[in-house]
């Protein structure tokens, strides 16, 4: 049987459409390609964004900003030395972009100016850290992305 050029074009289109449909169906069925929103209540959180901007400005204006160091015991958060550790209260949120089941929060209650996040809680890869804390009624916010 001879195939003329018109039949060849139709077969090429059918093959291309089948190829695209195969990948669309495959990506929709694959759980690895499941991407969720960063937060469940995205719009509700967006309304409080000005408070975050103010808190982030407060943290940037500190003479001794917060420092995050990777040690062999885990992740060490060093708060400013000129602030009294027992007066610092807040939360540390660790967000894993690749898997929301690994996200966790820690409360900040210090006796000194350091907080250690144990190595066993952190897997290798990218983490987004959000530290929100209050000191004498003033709010501070530090955001950073690290590769652990």
C-alpha atoms as a PDB file:
ATOM      1  CA  UNK A   1       0.000   0.000   0.000  1.00  0.00           C
ATOM      2  CA  UNK A   2       1.308   3.403  -0.943  1.00  0.00           C
ATOM      3  CA  UNK A   3       0.952   6.299   1.476  1.00  0.00           C
ATOM      4  CA  UNK A   4       0.623   9.688  -0.155  1.00  0.00           C
ATOM      5  CA  UNK A   5       1.697  12.939   1.499  1.00  0.00           C
ATOM      6  CA  UNK A   6      -1.838  13.797   2.726  1.00  0.00           C
ATOM      7  CA  UNK A   7      -2.139  10.496   4.596  1.00  0.00           C
ATOM      8  CA  UNK A   8       1.361  11.011   6.049  1.00  0.00           C
ATOM      9  CA  UNK A   9       0.414  14.432   7.456  1.00  0.00           C
ATOM     10  CA  UNK A  10      -2.766  13.017   9.036  1.00  0.00           C
ATOM     11  CA  UNK A  11      -0.815  10.128  10.581  1.00  0.00           C
ATOM     12  CA  UNK A  12       1.816  12.576  11.906  1.00  0.00           C
ATOM     13  CA  UNK A  13      -0.910  14.715  13.528  1.00  0.00           C
ATOM     14  CA  UNK A  14      -2.565  11.665  15.085  1.00  0.00           C
ATOM     15  CA  UNK A  15       0.807  10.472  16.395  1.00  0.00           C
ATOM     16  CA  UNK A  16       1.623  13.903  17.866  1.00  0.00           C
ATOM     17  CA  UNK A  17      -1.807  14.267  19.511  1.00  0.00           C
ATOM     18  CA  UNK A  18      -1.484  10.752  20.964  1.00  0.00           C
ATOM     19  CA  UNK A  19       1.992  11.604  22.297  1.00  0.00           C
ATOM     20  CA  UNK A  20       0.732  14.780  24.013  1.00  0.00           C
ATOM     21  CA  UNK A  21      -2.345  13.026  25.461  1.00  0.00           C
ATOM     22  CA  UNK A  22      -0.150  10.246  26.850  1.00  0.00           C
ATOM     23  CA  UNK A  23       1.958  12.748  28.820  1.00  0.00           C
ATOM     24  CA  UNK A  24      -1.061  14.761  30.002  1.00  0.00           C
ATOM     25  CA  UNK A  25      -2.729  11.624  31.377  1.00  0.00           C
ATOM     26  CA  UNK A  26       0.536  10.380  32.883  1.00  0.00           C
ATOM     27  CA  UNK A  27       1.237  13.677  34.697  1.00  0.00           C
ATOM     28  CA  UNK A  28      -2.304  13.860  36.074  1.00  0.00           C
ATOM     29  CA  UNK A  29      -2.086  10.323  37.462  1.00  0.00           C
ATOM     30  CA  UNK A  30       1.430  10.654  38.945  1.00  0.00           C
ATOM     31  CA  UNK A  31       1.522  11.526  42.676  1.00  0.00           C
ATOM     32  CA  UNK A  32       5.068  12.886  42.419  1.00  0.00           C
ATOM     33  CA  UNK A  33       3.792  15.796  40.333  1.00  0.00           C
ATOM     34  CA  UNK A  34       1.201  16.810  42.928  1.00  0.00           C
ATOM     35  CA  UNK A  35       1.857  20.427  43.894  1.00  0.00           C
ATOM     36  CA  UNK A  36      -0.156  22.143  46.595  1.00  0.00           C
ATOM     37  CA  UNK A  37      -0.443  25.757  47.647  1.00  0.00           C
ATOM     38  CA  UNK A  38       2.161  26.954  50.116  1.00  0.00           C
ATOM     39  CA  UNK A  39      -0.538  27.513  52.739  1.00  0.00           C
ATOM     40  CA  UNK A  40      -4.100  26.235  52.918  1.00  0.00           C
ATOM     41  CA  UNK A  41      -5.587  29.646  53.844  1.00  0.00           C
ATOM     42  CA  UNK A  42      -3.644  31.708  51.338  1.00  0.00           C
ATOM     43  CA  UNK A  43      -6.045  34.674  51.055  1.00  0.00           C
ATOM     44  CA  UNK A  44      -6.601  34.918  54.799  1.00  0.00           C
ATOM     45  CA  UNK A  45      -2.849  35.066  55.338  1.00  0.00           C
ATOM     46  CA  UNK A  46      -2.451  37.708  52.616  1.00  0.00           C
ATOM     47  CA  UNK A  47      -4.563  40.172  54.644  1.00  0.00           C
ATOM     48  CA  UNK A  48      -1.963  40.196  57.450  1.00  0.00           C
ATOM     49  CA  UNK A  49       0.949  40.810  55.090  1.00  0.00           C
ATOM     50  CA  UNK A  50       1.589  44.411  56.287  1.00  0.00           C
ATOM     51  CA  UNK A  51       2.332  43.094  59.786  1.00  0.00           C
ATOM     52  CA  UNK A  52       4.923  40.759  58.242  1.00  0.00           C
ATOM     53  CA  UNK A  53       6.540  43.644  56.378  1.00  0.00           C
ATOM     54  CA  UNK A  54       6.791  45.682  59.584  1.00  0.00           C
ATOM     55  CA  UNK A  55       8.192  42.746  61.561  1.00  0.00           C
ATOM     56  CA  UNK A  56      10.742  42.009  58.828  1.00  0.00           C
ATOM     57  CA  UNK A  57      11.815  45.668  58.844  1.00  0.00           C
ATOM     58  CA  UNK A  58      12.258  45.490  62.629  1.00  0.00           C
ATOM     59  CA  UNK A  59      14.489  42.424  62.249  1.00  0.00           C
ATOM     60  CA  UNK A  60      16.602  44.049  59.531  1.00  0.00           C
ATOM     61  CA  UNK A  61      17.120  47.152  61.685  1.00  0.00           C
ATOM     62  CA  UNK A  62      18.687  45.142  64.513  1.00  0.00           C
ATOM     63  CA  UNK A  63      22.382  45.829  65.070  1.00  0.00           C
ATOM     64  CA  UNK A  64      23.036  42.100  65.529  1.00  0.00           C
ATOM     65  CA  UNK A  65      20.690  40.121  63.237  1.00  0.00           C
ATOM     66  CA  UNK A  66      19.699  36.501  63.742  1.00  0.00           C
ATOM     67  CA  UNK A  67      22.143  33.948  62.321  1.00  0.00           C
ATOM     68  CA  UNK A  68      21.478  30.407  61.115  1.00  0.00           C
ATOM     69  CA  UNK A  69      24.370  27.919  61.161  1.00  0.00           C
ATOM     70  CA  UNK A  70      24.549  24.273  60.167  1.00  0.00           C
ATOM     71  CA  UNK A  71      26.390  22.195  62.758  1.00  0.00           C
ATOM     72  CA  UNK A  72      26.941  18.450  63.127  1.00  0.00           C
ATOM     73  CA  UNK A  73      24.196  18.361  65.806  1.00  0.00           C
ATOM     74  CA  UNK A  74      21.630  20.177  63.676  1.00  0.00           C
ATOM     75  CA  UNK A  75      20.637  23.695  62.743  1.00  0.00           C
ATOM     76  CA  UNK A  76      21.697  26.370  65.246  1.00  0.00           C
ATOM     77  CA  UNK A  77      19.705  29.606  65.428  1.00  0.00           C
ATOM     78  CA  UNK A  78      21.637  32.416  67.097  1.00  0.00           C
ATOM     79  CA  UNK A  79      19.452  35.251  68.279  1.00  0.00           C
ATOM     80  CA  UNK A  80      20.941  38.717  68.896  1.00  0.00           C
ATOM     81  CA  UNK A  81      23.255  38.695  71.912  1.00  0.00           C
ATOM     82  CA  UNK A  82      22.097  42.075  73.173  1.00  0.00           C
ATOM     83  CA  UNK A  83      18.551  40.712  73.722  1.00  0.00           C
ATOM     84  CA  UNK A  84      17.725  38.709  76.842  1.00  0.00           C
ATOM     85  CA  UNK A  85      16.906  35.137  75.781  1.00  0.00           C
ATOM     86  CA  UNK A  86      14.185  34.566  78.374  1.00  0.00           C
ATOM     87  CA  UNK A  87      12.187  37.541  77.008  1.00  0.00           C
ATOM     88  CA  UNK A  88      12.127  36.152  73.456  1.00  0.00           C
ATOM     89  CA  UNK A  89       8.954  34.240  72.574  1.00  0.00           C
ATOM     90  CA  UNK A  90       7.814  33.047  69.150  1.00  0.00           C
ATOM     91  CA  UNK A  91       7.762  30.252  66.606  1.00  0.00           C
ATOM     92  CA  UNK A  92      10.096  28.751  64.031  1.00  0.00           C
ATOM     93  CA  UNK A  93       8.372  27.332  60.934  1.00  0.00           C
ATOM     94  CA  UNK A  94      10.290  25.023  58.645  1.00  0.00           C
ATOM     95  CA  UNK A  95       8.679  24.529  55.263  1.00  0.00           C
ATOM     96  CA  UNK A  96       9.795  21.845  52.820  1.00  0.00           C
ATOM     97  CA  UNK A  97       8.722  22.866  49.272  1.00  0.00           C
ATOM     98  CA  UNK A  98       8.998  19.318  47.925  1.00  0.00           C
ATOM     99  CA  UNK A  99       6.866  17.608  50.598  1.00  0.00           C
ATOM    100  CA  UNK A 100       4.321  19.292  52.867  1.00  0.00           C
ATOM    101  CA  UNK A 101       4.331  16.291  55.219  1.00  0.00           C
ATOM    102  CA  UNK A 102       7.839  17.232  56.381  1.00  0.00           C
ATOM    103  CA  UNK A 103       6.821  20.760  57.464  1.00  0.00           C
ATOM    104  CA  UNK A 104       6.913  21.464  61.188  1.00  0.00           C
ATOM    105  CA  UNK A 105       6.786  24.298  63.721  1.00  0.00           C
ATOM    106  CA  UNK A 106       8.783  24.802  66.907  1.00  0.00           C
ATOM    107  CA  UNK A 107       8.015  27.212  69.709  1.00  0.00           C
ATOM    108  CA  UNK A 108      10.797  29.553  70.751  1.00  0.00           C
ATOM    109  CA  UNK A 109      11.394  29.630  74.484  1.00  0.00           C
ATOM    110  CA  UNK A 110      14.993  30.430  75.273  1.00  0.00           C
ATOM    111  CA  UNK A 111      17.173  30.469  78.356  1.00  0.00           C
ATOM    112  CA  UNK A 112      20.147  31.719  76.334  1.00  0.00           C
ATOM    113  CA  UNK A 113      20.413  33.269  72.865  1.00  0.00           C
ATOM    114  CA  UNK A 114      20.603  29.939  70.967  1.00  0.00           C
ATOM    115  CA  UNK A 115      18.065  27.432  69.664  1.00  0.00           C
ATOM    116  CA  UNK A 116      19.120  24.070  68.219  1.00  0.00           C
ATOM    117  CA  UNK A 117      16.925  22.184  65.764  1.00  0.00           C
ATOM    118  CA  UNK A 118      18.058  18.542  65.968  1.00  0.00           C
ATOM    119  CA  UNK A 119      19.627  16.903  62.944  1.00  0.00           C
ATOM    120  CA  UNK A 120      17.152  13.999  63.042  1.00  0.00           C
ATOM    121  CA  UNK A 121      14.241  16.373  62.244  1.00  0.00           C
ATOM    122  CA  UNK A 122      15.867  17.700  59.054  1.00  0.00           C
ATOM    123  CA  UNK A 123      16.352  15.826  55.799  1.00  0.00           C
ATOM    124  CA  UNK A 124      18.877  16.888  53.198  1.00  0.00           C
ATOM    125  CA  UNK A 125      17.514  19.376  50.707  1.00  0.00           C
ATOM    126  CA  UNK A 126      15.935  22.800  50.562  1.00  0.00           C
ATOM    127  CA  UNK A 127      14.127  24.273  53.565  1.00  0.00           C
ATOM    128  CA  UNK A 128      12.399  27.635  53.917  1.00  0.00           C
ATOM    129  CA  UNK A 129      12.729  28.948  57.470  1.00  0.00           C
ATOM    130  CA  UNK A 130      10.410  31.566  58.933  1.00  0.00           C
ATOM    131  CA  UNK A 131      11.228  32.798  62.441  1.00  0.00           C
ATOM    132  CA  UNK A 132       8.620  35.000  64.101  1.00  0.00           C
ATOM    133  CA  UNK A 133       9.444  36.279  67.558  1.00  0.00           C
ATOM    134  CA  UNK A 134       8.472  38.990  70.014  1.00  0.00           C
ATOM    135  CA  UNK A 135      10.745  40.871  72.353  1.00  0.00           C
ATOM    136  CA  UNK A 136       9.246  43.380  74.805  1.00  0.00           C
ATOM    137  CA  UNK A 137       6.050  43.652  72.751  1.00  0.00           C
ATOM    138  CA  UNK A 138       7.828  44.289  69.444  1.00  0.00           C
ATOM    139  CA  UNK A 139       7.502  41.728  66.651  1.00  0.00           C
ATOM    140  CA  UNK A 140      10.378  40.498  64.487  1.00  0.00           C
ATOM    141  CA  UNK A 141      10.441  38.251  61.433  1.00  0.00           C
ATOM    142  CA  UNK A 142      13.328  36.515  59.688  1.00  0.00           C
ATOM    143  CA  UNK A 143      12.885  34.495  56.475  1.00  0.00           C
ATOM    144  CA  UNK A 144      15.591  32.470  54.817  1.00  0.00           C
ATOM    145  CA  UNK A 145      15.955  29.573  52.394  1.00  0.00           C
ATOM    146  CA  UNK A 146      18.710  27.081  53.120  1.00  0.00           C
ATOM    147  CA  UNK A 147      19.974  23.835  51.678  1.00  0.00           C
ATOM    148  CA  UNK A 148      20.615  21.378  54.480  1.00  0.00           C
END
